[in-house]
Amino acid sequence: MDKSKKNDGDFFYRLISEKENQKLKSLGEKKRTEWFGLGMFGMVGWSVTVPTFLGTIGGIWLDKNYPQSFSWTITCLILGLGAGCFIAWNWINKQD
């Protein structure tokens, strides 16, 4: 038997074995409903909205009490948005 044909057979055997394991794993997993998707959508939305809102409020307070040549409101809004996106990204990674 030619060695290249034997290697091709091993490759296809491993490929089919991996596909079979993936299918068996997916059959054993709990199915997620539409409600789960809506809940995830809400959680991601709130995890971005709340830090952005708090950053904006903090920036307004800093602008009133400690005025600078730059806008604290915009700076804190961007920081809050970045923090919210980071929180949402972590939340989605934990769910996968």
PDB file of N, CA and C in Angstrom:
ATOM      1  N   MET A   1       0.842  -1.185   0.000  1.00  0.00           N
ATOM      2  CA  MET A   1       0.000   0.000   0.000  1.00  0.00           C
ATOM      3  C   MET A   1       0.881   1.239   0.000  1.00  0.00           C
ATOM      4  N   ASP A   2       0.514   2.209  -0.799  1.00  0.00           N
ATOM      5  CA  ASP A   2       1.257   3.460  -0.925  1.00  0.00           C
ATOM      6  C   ASP A   2       1.109   4.260   0.373  1.00  0.00           C
ATOM      7  N   LYS A   3       2.229   4.857   0.863  1.00  0.00           N
ATOM      8  CA  LYS A   3       2.186   5.614   2.117  1.00  0.00           C
ATOM      9  C   LYS A   3       1.270   6.825   2.043  1.00  0.00           C
ATOM     10  N   SER A   4       1.211   7.500   0.875  1.00  0.00           N
ATOM     11  CA  SER A   4       0.356   8.687   0.759  1.00  0.00           C
ATOM     12  C   SER A   4      -1.113   8.311   0.893  1.00  0.00           C
ATOM     13  N   LYS A   5      -1.500   7.137   0.382  1.00  0.00           N
ATOM     14  CA  LYS A   5      -2.892   6.686   0.512  1.00  0.00           C
ATOM     15  C   LYS A   5      -3.203   6.359   1.972  1.00  0.00           C
ATOM     16  N   LYS A   6      -2.242   5.779   2.674  1.00  0.00           N
ATOM     17  CA  LYS A   6      -2.449   5.467   4.089  1.00  0.00           C
ATOM     18  C   LYS A   6      -2.601   6.749   4.899  1.00  0.00           C
ATOM     19  N   ASN A   7      -1.785   7.766   4.623  1.00  0.00           N
ATOM     20  CA  ASN A   7      -1.883   9.041   5.323  1.00  0.00           C
ATOM     21  C   ASN A   7      -3.211   9.733   5.034  1.00  0.00           C
ATOM     22  N   ASP A   8      -3.670   9.629   3.783  1.00  0.00           N
ATOM     23  CA  ASP A   8      -4.971  10.211   3.434  1.00  0.00           C
ATOM     24  C   ASP A   8      -6.080   9.526   4.219  1.00  0.00           C
ATOM     25  N   GLY A   9      -5.992   8.220   4.373  1.00  0.00           N
ATOM     26  CA  GLY A   9      -7.001   7.477   5.129  1.00  0.00           C
ATOM     27  C   GLY A   9      -7.016   7.899   6.588  1.00  0.00           C
ATOM     28  N   ASP A  10      -5.829   8.066   7.179  1.00  0.00           N
ATOM     29  CA  ASP A  10      -5.746   8.526   8.571  1.00  0.00           C
ATOM     30  C   ASP A  10      -6.326   9.922   8.721  1.00  0.00           C
ATOM     31  N   PHE A  11      -6.031  10.780   7.751  1.00  0.00           N
ATOM     32  CA  PHE A  11      -6.539  12.150   7.798  1.00  0.00           C
ATOM     33  C   PHE A  11      -8.063  12.160   7.763  1.00  0.00           C
ATOM     34  N   PHE A  12      -8.634  11.389   6.827  1.00  0.00           N
ATOM     35  CA  PHE A  12     -10.092  11.353   6.716  1.00  0.00           C
ATOM     36  C   PHE A  12     -10.731  10.699   7.929  1.00  0.00           C
ATOM     37  N   TYR A  13     -10.083   9.685   8.494  1.00  0.00           N
ATOM     38  CA  TYR A  13     -10.596   9.042   9.696  1.00  0.00           C
ATOM     39  C   TYR A  13     -10.658  10.045  10.854  1.00  0.00           C
ATOM     40  N   ARG A  14      -9.575  10.822  11.031  1.00  0.00           N
ATOM     41  CA  ARG A  14      -9.550  11.833  12.094  1.00  0.00           C
ATOM     42  C   ARG A  14     -10.583  12.919  11.848  1.00  0.00           C
ATOM     43  N   LEU A  15     -10.725  13.342  10.588  1.00  0.00           N
ATOM     44  CA  LEU A  15     -11.694  14.377  10.243  1.00  0.00           C
ATOM     45  C   LEU A  15     -13.119  13.913  10.540  1.00  0.00           C
ATOM     46  N   ILE A  16     -13.452  12.707  10.131  1.00  0.00           N
ATOM     47  CA  ILE A  16     -14.792  12.162  10.378  1.00  0.00           C
ATOM     48  C   ILE A  16     -15.014  11.959  11.875  1.00  0.00           C
ATOM     49  N   SER A  17     -13.997  11.513  12.571  1.00  0.00           N
ATOM     50  CA  SER A  17     -14.101  11.314  14.016  1.00  0.00           C
ATOM     51  C   SER A  17     -14.376  12.641  14.736  1.00  0.00           C
ATOM     52  N   GLU A  18     -13.687  13.706  14.351  1.00  0.00           N
ATOM     53  CA  GLU A  18     -13.911  15.022  14.946  1.00  0.00           C
ATOM     54  C   GLU A  18     -15.327  15.518  14.680  1.00  0.00           C
ATOM     55  N   LYS A  19     -15.800  15.344  13.440  1.00  0.00           N
ATOM     56  CA  LYS A  19     -17.164  15.771  13.080  1.00  0.00           C
ATOM     57  C   LYS A  19     -18.197  15.002  13.897  1.00  0.00           C
ATOM     58  N   GLU A  20     -17.972  13.687  14.056  1.00  0.00           N
ATOM     59  CA  GLU A  20     -18.896  12.867  14.829  1.00  0.00           C
ATOM     60  C   GLU A  20     -18.938  13.320  16.286  1.00  0.00           C
ATOM     61  N   ASN A  21     -17.773  13.602  16.862  1.00  0.00           N
ATOM     62  CA  ASN A  21     -17.721  14.074  18.249  1.00  0.00           C
ATOM     63  C   ASN A  21     -18.426  15.412  18.411  1.00  0.00           C
ATOM     64  N   GLN A  22     -18.276  16.309  17.425  1.00  0.00           N
ATOM     65  CA  GLN A  22     -18.966  17.598  17.490  1.00  0.00           C
ATOM     66  C   GLN A  22     -20.475  17.413  17.456  1.00  0.00           C
ATOM     67  N   LYS A  23     -20.951  16.514  16.595  1.00  0.00           N
ATOM     68  CA  LYS A  23     -22.394  16.279  16.498  1.00  0.00           C
ATOM     69  C   LYS A  23     -22.939  15.657  17.777  1.00  0.00           C
ATOM     70  N   LEU A  24     -22.217  14.703  18.331  1.00  0.00           N
ATOM     71  CA  LEU A  24     -22.663  14.080  19.575  1.00  0.00           C
ATOM     72  C   LEU A  24     -22.684  15.086  20.714  1.00  0.00           C
ATOM     73  N   LYS A  25     -21.697  15.969  20.750  1.00  0.00           N
ATOM     74  CA  LYS A  25     -21.659  17.004  21.787  1.00  0.00           C
ATOM     75  C   LYS A  25     -22.834  17.955  21.643  1.00  0.00           C
ATOM     76  N   SER A  26     -23.150  18.363  20.412  1.00  0.00           N
ATOM     77  CA  SER A  26     -24.253  19.298  20.201  1.00  0.00           C
ATOM     78  C   SER A  26     -25.602  18.655  20.523  1.00  0.00           C
ATOM     79  N   LEU A  27     -25.731  17.348  20.293  1.00  0.00           N
ATOM     80  CA  LEU A  27     -26.978  16.661  20.636  1.00  0.00           C
ATOM     81  C   LEU A  27     -27.177  16.595  22.146  1.00  0.00           C
ATOM     82  N   GLY A  28     -26.087  16.512  22.896  1.00  0.00           N
ATOM     83  CA  GLY A  28     -26.170  16.418  24.353  1.00  0.00           C
ATOM     84  C   GLY A  28     -26.362  17.752  25.049  1.00  0.00           C
ATOM     85  N   GLU A  29     -26.124  18.851  24.342  1.00  0.00           N
ATOM     86  CA  GLU A  29     -26.249  20.165  24.964  1.00  0.00           C
ATOM     87  C   GLU A  29     -27.703  20.587  25.072  1.00  0.00           C
ATOM     88  N   LYS A  30     -27.966  21.397  26.077  1.00  0.00           N
ATOM     89  CA  LYS A  30     -29.310  21.929  26.284  1.00  0.00           C
ATOM     90  C   LYS A  30     -29.626  22.952  25.198  1.00  0.00           C
ATOM     91  N   LYS A  31     -30.811  22.848  24.635  1.00  0.00           N
ATOM     92  CA  LYS A  31     -31.230  23.791  23.593  1.00  0.00           C
ATOM     93  C   LYS A  31     -31.566  25.137  24.226  1.00  0.00           C
ATOM     94  N   ARG A  32     -31.150  26.207  23.567  1.00  0.00           N
ATOM     95  CA  ARG A  32     -31.441  27.556  24.040  1.00  0.00           C
ATOM     96  C   ARG A  32     -32.637  28.096  23.283  1.00  0.00           C
ATOM     97  N   THR A  33     -33.528  28.715  24.020  1.00  0.00           N
ATOM     98  CA  THR A  33     -34.760  29.211  23.418  1.00  0.00           C
ATOM     99  C   THR A  33     -34.606  30.660  22.995  1.00  0.00           C
ATOM    100  N   GLU A  34     -35.663  31.178  22.398  1.00  0.00           N
ATOM    101  CA  GLU A  34     -35.684  32.587  21.994  1.00  0.00           C
ATOM    102  C   GLU A  34     -35.604  33.493  23.214  1.00  0.00           C
ATOM    103  N   TRP A  35     -36.185  33.034  24.328  1.00  0.00           N
ATOM    104  CA  TRP A  35     -36.154  33.841  25.555  1.00  0.00           C
ATOM    105  C   TRP A  35     -34.726  34.017  26.057  1.00  0.00           C
ATOM    106  N   PHE A  36     -33.926  32.992  25.891  1.00  0.00           N
ATOM    107  CA  PHE A  36     -32.521  33.110  26.277  1.00  0.00           C
ATOM    108  C   PHE A  36     -31.835  34.185  25.444  1.00  0.00           C
ATOM    109  N   GLY A  37     -32.121  34.198  24.150  1.00  0.00           N
ATOM    110  CA  GLY A  37     -31.538  35.209  23.264  1.00  0.00           C
ATOM    111  C   GLY A  37     -31.970  36.612  23.641  1.00  0.00           C
ATOM    112  N   LEU A  38     -33.261  36.771  23.967  1.00  0.00           N
ATOM    113  CA  LEU A  38     -33.742  38.092  24.385  1.00  0.00           C
ATOM    114  C   LEU A  38     -33.117  38.516  25.707  1.00  0.00           C
ATOM    115  N   GLY A  39     -32.976  37.575  26.618  1.00  0.00           N
ATOM    116  CA  GLY A  39     -32.326  37.885  27.892  1.00  0.00           C
ATOM    117  C   GLY A  39     -30.874  38.282  27.706  1.00  0.00           C
ATOM    118  N   MET A  40     -30.187  37.584  26.814  1.00  0.00           N
ATOM    119  CA  MET A  40     -28.794  37.906  26.524  1.00  0.00           C
ATOM    120  C   MET A  40     -28.681  39.291  25.897  1.00  0.00           C
ATOM    121  N   PHE A  41     -29.607  39.579  24.981  1.00  0.00           N
ATOM    122  CA  PHE A  41     -29.627  40.887  24.330  1.00  0.00           C
ATOM    123  C   PHE A  41     -29.822  41.991  25.368  1.00  0.00           C
ATOM    124  N   GLY A  42     -30.747  41.777  26.309  1.00  0.00           N
ATOM    125  CA  GLY A  42     -30.987  42.761  27.365  1.00  0.00           C
ATOM    126  C   GLY A  42     -29.797  42.923  28.283  1.00  0.00           C
ATOM    127  N   MET A  43     -29.169  41.809  28.637  1.00  0.00           N
ATOM    128  CA  MET A  43     -28.015  41.868  29.540  1.00  0.00           C
ATOM    129  C   MET A  43     -26.859  42.623  28.894  1.00  0.00           C
ATOM    130  N   VAL A  44     -26.608  42.355  27.641  1.00  0.00           N
ATOM    131  CA  VAL A  44     -25.527  43.054  26.935  1.00  0.00           C
ATOM    132  C   VAL A  44     -25.859  44.538  26.834  1.00  0.00           C
ATOM    133  N   GLY A  45     -27.108  44.862  26.529  1.00  0.00           N
ATOM    134  CA  GLY A  45     -27.513  46.269  26.423  1.00  0.00           C
ATOM    135  C   GLY A  45     -27.331  47.023  27.722  1.00  0.00           C
ATOM    136  N   TRP A  46     -27.787  46.422  28.816  1.00  0.00           N
ATOM    137  CA  TRP A  46     -27.650  47.083  30.109  1.00  0.00           C
ATOM    138  C   TRP A  46     -26.202  47.166  30.557  1.00  0.00           C
ATOM    139  N   SER A  47     -25.400  46.166  30.235  1.00  0.00           N
ATOM    140  CA  SER A  47     -24.002  46.197  30.661  1.00  0.00           C
ATOM    141  C   SER A  47     -23.197  47.253  29.911  1.00  0.00           C
ATOM    142  N   VAL A  48     -23.701  47.729  28.780  1.00  0.00           N
ATOM    143  CA  VAL A  48     -23.057  48.841  28.076  1.00  0.00           C
ATOM    144  C   VAL A  48     -23.683  50.171  28.523  1.00  0.00           C
ATOM    145  N   THR A  49     -25.003  50.181  28.696  1.00  0.00           N
ATOM    146  CA  THR A  49     -25.717  51.422  29.006  1.00  0.00           C
ATOM    147  C   THR A  49     -25.375  51.980  30.382  1.00  0.00           C
ATOM    148  N   VAL A  50     -25.370  51.139  31.397  1.00  0.00           N
ATOM    149  CA  VAL A  50     -25.171  51.619  32.773  1.00  0.00           C
ATOM    150  C   VAL A  50     -23.797  52.264  32.963  1.00  0.00           C
ATOM    151  N   PRO A  51     -22.682  51.635  32.574  1.00  0.00           N
ATOM    152  CA  PRO A  51     -21.389  52.317  32.755  1.00  0.00           C
ATOM    153  C   PRO A  51     -21.270  53.600  31.920  1.00  0.00           C
ATOM    154  N   THR A  52     -21.878  53.609  30.734  1.00  0.00           N
ATOM    155  CA  THR A  52     -21.840  54.817  29.911  1.00  0.00           C
ATOM    156  C   THR A  52     -22.596  55.947  30.603  1.00  0.00           C
ATOM    157  N   PHE A  53     -23.773  55.635  31.123  1.00  0.00           N
ATOM    158  CA  PHE A  53     -24.581  56.634  31.827  1.00  0.00           C
ATOM    159  C   PHE A  53     -23.868  57.141  33.079  1.00  0.00           C
ATOM    160  N   LEU A  54     -23.312  56.231  33.867  1.00  0.00           N
ATOM    161  CA  LEU A  54     -22.602  56.641  35.083  1.00  0.00           C
ATOM    162  C   LEU A  54     -21.368  57.476  34.751  1.00  0.00           C
ATOM    163  N   GLY A  55     -20.663  57.110  33.692  1.00  0.00           N
ATOM    164  CA  GLY A  55     -19.513  57.905  33.273  1.00  0.00           C
ATOM    165  C   GLY A  55     -19.916  59.315  32.857  1.00  0.00           C
ATOM    166  N   THR A  56     -21.045  59.423  32.156  1.00  0.00           N
ATOM    167  CA  THR A  56     -21.533  60.734  31.731  1.00  0.00           C
ATOM    168  C   THR A  56     -21.922  61.586  32.928  1.00  0.00           C
ATOM    169  N   ILE A  57     -22.636  60.997  33.876  1.00  0.00           N
ATOM    170  CA  ILE A  57     -23.034  61.731  35.088  1.00  0.00           C
ATOM    171  C   ILE A  57     -21.796  62.183  35.859  1.00  0.00           C
ATOM    172  N   GLY A  58     -20.828  61.289  35.992  1.00  0.00           N
ATOM    173  CA  GLY A  58     -19.580  61.660  36.670  1.00  0.00           C
ATOM    174  C   GLY A  58     -18.844  62.775  35.935  1.00  0.00           C
ATOM    175  N   GLY A  59     -18.862  62.736  34.613  1.00  0.00           N
ATOM    176  CA  GLY A  59     -18.209  63.784  33.827  1.00  0.00           C
ATOM    177  C   GLY A  59     -18.895  65.130  33.982  1.00  0.00           C
ATOM    178  N   ILE A  60     -20.217  65.133  34.036  1.00  0.00           N
ATOM    179  CA  ILE A  60     -20.955  66.388  34.261  1.00  0.00           C
ATOM    180  C   ILE A  60     -20.604  66.965  35.624  1.00  0.00           C
ATOM    181  N   TRP A  61     -20.537  66.108  36.634  1.00  0.00           N
ATOM    182  CA  TRP A  61     -20.185  66.570  37.979  1.00  0.00           C
ATOM    183  C   TRP A  61     -18.759  67.140  38.000  1.00  0.00           C
ATOM    184  N   LEU A  62     -17.825  66.460  37.322  1.00  0.00           N
ATOM    185  CA  LEU A  62     -16.446  66.956  37.265  1.00  0.00           C
ATOM    186  C   LEU A  62     -16.362  68.281  36.504  1.00  0.00           C
ATOM    187  N   ASP A  63     -17.144  68.440  35.422  1.00  0.00           N
ATOM    188  CA  ASP A  63     -17.142  69.698  34.671  1.00  0.00           C
ATOM    189  C   ASP A  63     -17.633  70.855  35.540  1.00  0.00           C
ATOM    190  N   LYS A  64     -18.628  70.614  36.383  1.00  0.00           N
ATOM    191  CA  LYS A  64     -19.153  71.672  37.257  1.00  0.00           C
ATOM    192  C   LYS A  64     -18.195  72.018  38.380  1.00  0.00           C
ATOM    193  N   ASN A  65     -17.558  71.018  38.967  1.00  0.00           N
ATOM    194  CA  ASN A  65     -16.722  71.238  40.153  1.00  0.00           C
ATOM    195  C   ASN A  65     -15.242  71.444  39.846  1.00  0.00           C
ATOM    196  N   TYR A  66     -14.756  70.880  38.784  1.00  0.00           N
ATOM    197  CA  TYR A  66     -13.340  70.985  38.431  1.00  0.00           C
ATOM    198  C   TYR A  66     -13.198  71.294  36.945  1.00  0.00           C
ATOM    199  N   PRO A  67     -13.538  72.477  36.507  1.00  0.00           N
ATOM    200  CA  PRO A  67     -13.467  72.791  35.073  1.00  0.00           C
ATOM    201  C   PRO A  67     -12.017  72.743  34.566  1.00  0.00           C
ATOM    202  N   GLN A  68     -11.872  72.225  33.360  1.00  0.00           N
ATOM    203  CA  GLN A  68     -10.576  72.115  32.703  1.00  0.00           C
ATOM    204  C   GLN A  68     -10.701  72.647  31.280  1.00  0.00           C
ATOM    205  N   SER A  69      -9.592  72.632  30.549  1.00  0.00           N
ATOM    206  CA  SER A  69      -9.632  73.067  29.161  1.00  0.00           C
ATOM    207  C   SER A  69     -10.265  72.001  28.253  1.00  0.00           C
ATOM    208  N   PHE A  70     -10.409  70.788  28.761  1.00  0.00           N
ATOM    209  CA  PHE A  70     -11.076  69.712  28.015  1.00  0.00           C
ATOM    210  C   PHE A  70     -12.386  69.360  28.722  1.00  0.00           C
ATOM    211  N   SER A  71     -13.200  68.590  28.059  1.00  0.00           N
ATOM    212  CA  SER A  71     -14.501  68.220  28.609  1.00  0.00           C
ATOM    213  C   SER A  71     -14.403  66.909  29.389  1.00  0.00           C
ATOM    214  N   TRP A  72     -14.671  67.002  30.678  1.00  0.00           N
ATOM    215  CA  TRP A  72     -14.725  65.803  31.500  1.00  0.00           C
ATOM    216  C   TRP A  72     -15.875  64.899  31.073  1.00  0.00           C
ATOM    217  N   THR A  73     -16.978  65.515  30.635  1.00  0.00           N
ATOM    218  CA  THR A  73     -18.161  64.741  30.261  1.00  0.00           C
ATOM    219  C   THR A  73     -17.846  63.792  29.107  1.00  0.00           C
ATOM    220  N   ILE A  74     -17.219  64.310  28.068  1.00  0.00           N
ATOM    221  CA  ILE A  74     -16.895  63.467  26.913  1.00  0.00           C
ATOM    222  C   ILE A  74     -15.855  62.417  27.290  1.00  0.00           C
ATOM    223  N   THR A  75     -14.876  62.810  28.076  1.00  0.00           N
ATOM    224  CA  THR A  75     -13.840  61.871  28.501  1.00  0.00           C
ATOM    225  C   THR A  75     -14.439  60.720  29.295  1.00  0.00           C
ATOM    226  N   CYS A  76     -15.270  61.045  30.276  1.00  0.00           N
ATOM    227  CA  CYS A  76     -15.874  59.996  31.102  1.00  0.00           C
ATOM    228  C   CYS A  76     -16.903  59.178  30.327  1.00  0.00           C
ATOM    229  N   LEU A  77     -17.580  59.809  29.364  1.00  0.00           N
ATOM    230  CA  LEU A  77     -18.513  59.068  28.523  1.00  0.00           C
ATOM    231  C   LEU A  77     -17.774  58.001  27.726  1.00  0.00           C
ATOM    232  N   ILE A  78     -16.643  58.373  27.144  1.00  0.00           N
ATOM    233  CA  ILE A  78     -15.857  57.412  26.357  1.00  0.00           C
ATOM    234  C   ILE A  78     -15.292  56.310  27.251  1.00  0.00           C
ATOM    235  N   LEU A  79     -14.813  56.677  28.447  1.00  0.00           N
ATOM    236  CA  LEU A  79     -14.313  55.663  29.375  1.00  0.00           C
ATOM    237  C   LEU A  79     -15.427  54.718  29.817  1.00  0.00           C
ATOM    238  N   GLY A  80     -16.609  55.261  30.103  1.00  0.00           N
ATOM    239  CA  GLY A  80     -17.745  54.422  30.488  1.00  0.00           C
ATOM    240  C   GLY A  80     -18.177  53.499  29.364  1.00  0.00           C
ATOM    241  N   LEU A  81     -18.176  54.004  28.143  1.00  0.00           N
ATOM    242  CA  LEU A  81     -18.532  53.182  26.989  1.00  0.00           C
ATOM    243  C   LEU A  81     -17.523  52.054  26.806  1.00  0.00           C
ATOM    244  N   GLY A  82     -16.248  52.376  26.943  1.00  0.00           N
ATOM    245  CA  GLY A  82     -15.214  51.344  26.838  1.00  0.00           C
ATOM    246  C   GLY A  82     -15.354  50.289  27.925  1.00  0.00           C
ATOM    247  N   ALA A  83     -15.621  50.730  29.150  1.00  0.00           N
ATOM    248  CA  ALA A  83     -15.817  49.781  30.250  1.00  0.00           C
ATOM    249  C   ALA A  83     -17.045  48.907  29.999  1.00  0.00           C
ATOM    250  N   GLY A  84     -18.126  49.515  29.512  1.00  0.00           N
ATOM    251  CA  GLY A  84     -19.338  48.754  29.218  1.00  0.00           C
ATOM    252  C   GLY A  84     -19.122  47.720  28.126  1.00  0.00           C
ATOM    253  N   CYS A  85     -18.411  48.096  27.089  1.00  0.00           N
ATOM    254  CA  CYS A  85     -18.118  47.144  26.016  1.00  0.00           C
ATOM    255  C   CYS A  85     -17.246  45.995  26.521  1.00  0.00           C
ATOM    256  N   PHE A  86     -16.306  46.298  27.396  1.00  0.00           N
ATOM    257  CA  PHE A  86     -15.457  45.269  27.981  1.00  0.00           C
ATOM    258  C   PHE A  86     -16.279  44.302  28.833  1.00  0.00           C
ATOM    259  N   ILE A  87     -17.194  44.843  29.637  1.00  0.00           N
ATOM    260  CA  ILE A  87     -18.072  44.010  30.469  1.00  0.00           C
ATOM    261  C   ILE A  87     -18.948  43.120  29.591  1.00  0.00           C
ATOM    262  N   ALA A  88     -19.529  43.701  28.529  1.00  0.00           N
ATOM    263  CA  ALA A  88     -20.385  42.925  27.628  1.00  0.00           C
ATOM    264  C   ALA A  88     -19.583  41.831  26.934  1.00  0.00           C
ATOM    265  N   TRP A  89     -18.381  42.141  26.514  1.00  0.00           N
ATOM    266  CA  TRP A  89     -17.525  41.158  25.845  1.00  0.00           C
ATOM    267  C   TRP A  89     -17.229  39.993  26.788  1.00  0.00           C
ATOM    268  N   ASN A  90     -16.911  40.302  28.053  1.00  0.00           N
ATOM    269  CA  ASN A  90     -16.652  39.242  29.035  1.00  0.00           C
ATOM    270  C   ASN A  90     -17.902  38.398  29.270  1.00  0.00           C
ATOM    271  N   TRP A  91     -19.048  39.039  29.347  1.00  0.00           N
ATOM    272  CA  TRP A  91     -20.302  38.320  29.582  1.00  0.00           C
ATOM    273  C   TRP A  91     -20.585  37.351  28.428  1.00  0.00           C
ATOM    274  N   ILE A  92     -20.403  37.802  27.211  1.00  0.00           N
ATOM    275  CA  ILE A  92     -20.664  36.944  26.043  1.00  0.00           C
ATOM    276  C   ILE A  92     -19.668  35.791  26.001  1.00  0.00           C
ATOM    277  N   ASN A  93     -18.408  36.041  26.324  1.00  0.00           N
ATOM    278  CA  ASN A  93     -17.413  34.961  26.338  1.00  0.00           C
ATOM    279  C   ASN A  93     -17.740  33.910  27.377  1.00  0.00           C
ATOM    280  N   LYS A  94     -18.266  34.324  28.535  1.00  0.00           N
ATOM    281  CA  LYS A  94     -18.628  33.359  29.573  1.00  0.00           C
ATOM    282  C   LYS A  94     -19.800  32.494  29.139  1.00  0.00           C
ATOM    283  N   GLN A  95     -20.703  33.036  28.333  1.00  0.00           N
ATOM    284  CA  GLN A  95     -21.866  32.269  27.885  1.00  0.00           C
ATOM    285  C   GLN A  95     -21.504  31.257  26.803  1.00  0.00           C
ATOM    286  N   ASP A  96     -20.470  31.513  26.058  1.00  0.00           N
ATOM    287  CA  ASP A  96     -20.037  30.563  25.027  1.00  0.00           C
ATOM    288  C   ASP A  96     -19.149  29.529  25.654  1.00  0.00           C
TER     289      ASP A  96
END
